[in-house]
Protein backbone atom coordinates (compact mmCIF):
# COMPACT_ATOMS: atom_id res chain seq x y z
CA MET A 1 121.65 156.71 118.52
CA THR A 2 122.73 159.46 115.88
CA LEU A 3 124.05 158.24 112.68
CA SER A 4 126.47 160.11 110.61
CA PHE A 5 125.91 161.17 107.12
CA GLU A 6 127.90 158.46 105.56
CA GLN A 7 125.95 155.84 107.67
CA MET A 8 122.59 157.34 106.60
CA LEU A 9 123.70 157.17 102.87
CA ALA A 10 124.86 153.52 103.02
CA ILE A 11 121.41 152.63 104.53
CA SER A 12 119.71 154.41 101.70
CA ASP A 13 122.04 152.79 99.23
CA SER A 14 121.36 149.37 100.32
CA PHE A 15 117.52 149.82 99.69
CA ASP A 16 116.75 148.69 95.96
CA GLN A 17 116.01 151.69 94.05
CA GLU A 18 113.94 150.65 90.90
CA GLU A 19 113.43 153.12 88.78
CA ASP A 20 109.53 153.73 87.75
CA GLU A 21 108.11 152.87 84.34
CA MET A 22 107.56 156.15 82.38
CA MET A 23 104.80 156.54 79.54
CA SER A 24 105.71 159.55 77.06
CA PHE A 25 102.82 162.04 76.87
CA THR A 26 102.48 165.03 74.34
CA CYS A 27 100.26 167.91 74.38
CA LEU A 28 97.47 168.13 71.91
CA SER A 29 97.19 171.83 71.73
CA CYS A 30 101.16 172.92 72.08
CA GLY A 31 102.97 169.91 71.61
CA PHE A 32 105.20 169.67 74.65
CA SER A 33 106.23 166.23 75.60
CA GLU A 34 106.68 165.16 78.97
CA ASP A 35 107.61 161.33 80.32
CA VAL A 36 104.84 160.45 83.61
CA PRO A 37 105.33 157.67 85.87
CA LYS A 38 103.34 154.88 84.60
CA TRP A 39 101.82 154.32 88.37
CA VAL A 40 100.54 157.60 88.29
CA ILE A 41 98.43 156.92 85.11
CA ASP A 42 97.27 153.48 86.73
CA GLU A 43 95.96 155.36 89.69
CA GLN A 44 94.29 158.03 87.70
CA ALA A 45 92.99 155.11 85.40
CA ASP A 46 91.50 153.80 88.54
CA ILE A 47 89.67 156.77 89.45
CA ASP A 48 88.51 157.13 86.07
CA PHE A 49 86.99 153.53 86.09
CA PHE A 50 85.30 153.95 89.29
CA ALA A 51 83.37 157.19 87.88
CA GLY A 52 82.36 155.19 84.99
CA ALA A 53 84.98 155.41 81.95
CA ASP A 54 84.52 152.78 79.34
CA LYS A 55 87.62 150.69 80.04
CA ALA A 56 87.39 149.37 76.13
CA ALA A 57 87.54 152.88 74.67
CA TYR A 58 89.77 154.40 77.44
CA ILE A 59 92.87 156.44 76.78
CA PRO A 60 94.51 158.03 79.58
CA SER A 61 95.09 161.66 79.55
CA THR A 62 96.72 164.32 81.84
CA THR A 63 97.02 168.39 81.80
CA CYS A 64 99.68 169.96 80.15
CA MET A 65 101.79 171.86 82.60
CA LYS A 66 102.82 174.71 79.87
CA CYS A 67 99.41 175.47 78.48
CA ASN A 68 96.83 173.63 80.41
CA GLY A 69 95.99 171.45 77.30
CA SER A 70 95.05 167.94 77.27
CA MET A 71 98.24 165.48 77.26
CA GLN A 72 97.54 161.92 75.69
CA PRO A 73 100.24 159.40 75.52
CA THR A 74 102.21 159.70 72.37
CA HIS A 75 101.84 156.32 70.94
CA SER A 76 98.05 157.22 70.75
CA ILE A 77 98.41 160.54 69.02
CA ALA A 78 100.53 158.81 66.47
CA THR A 79 97.88 156.25 65.78
CA GLN A 80 95.11 158.39 65.85
CA LYS A 81 96.49 160.45 62.77
């Protein structure tokens, strides 16, 4: 059975397409800001905790795509200042 484009589109539209919760990150080096899906951060945290990271002092981080610097959640940078 072959479906038309319209039929495939109708099927794909019938699924609930929940938007990802996003977290805002800012580069500590160049100031670039980017929203990152929370599930990506949660996955990285699980890996970090498995490797022995201290959960009480944990601040998630990622790498800046502009300068390869360290990015942290925007709200934690404001708190640290």
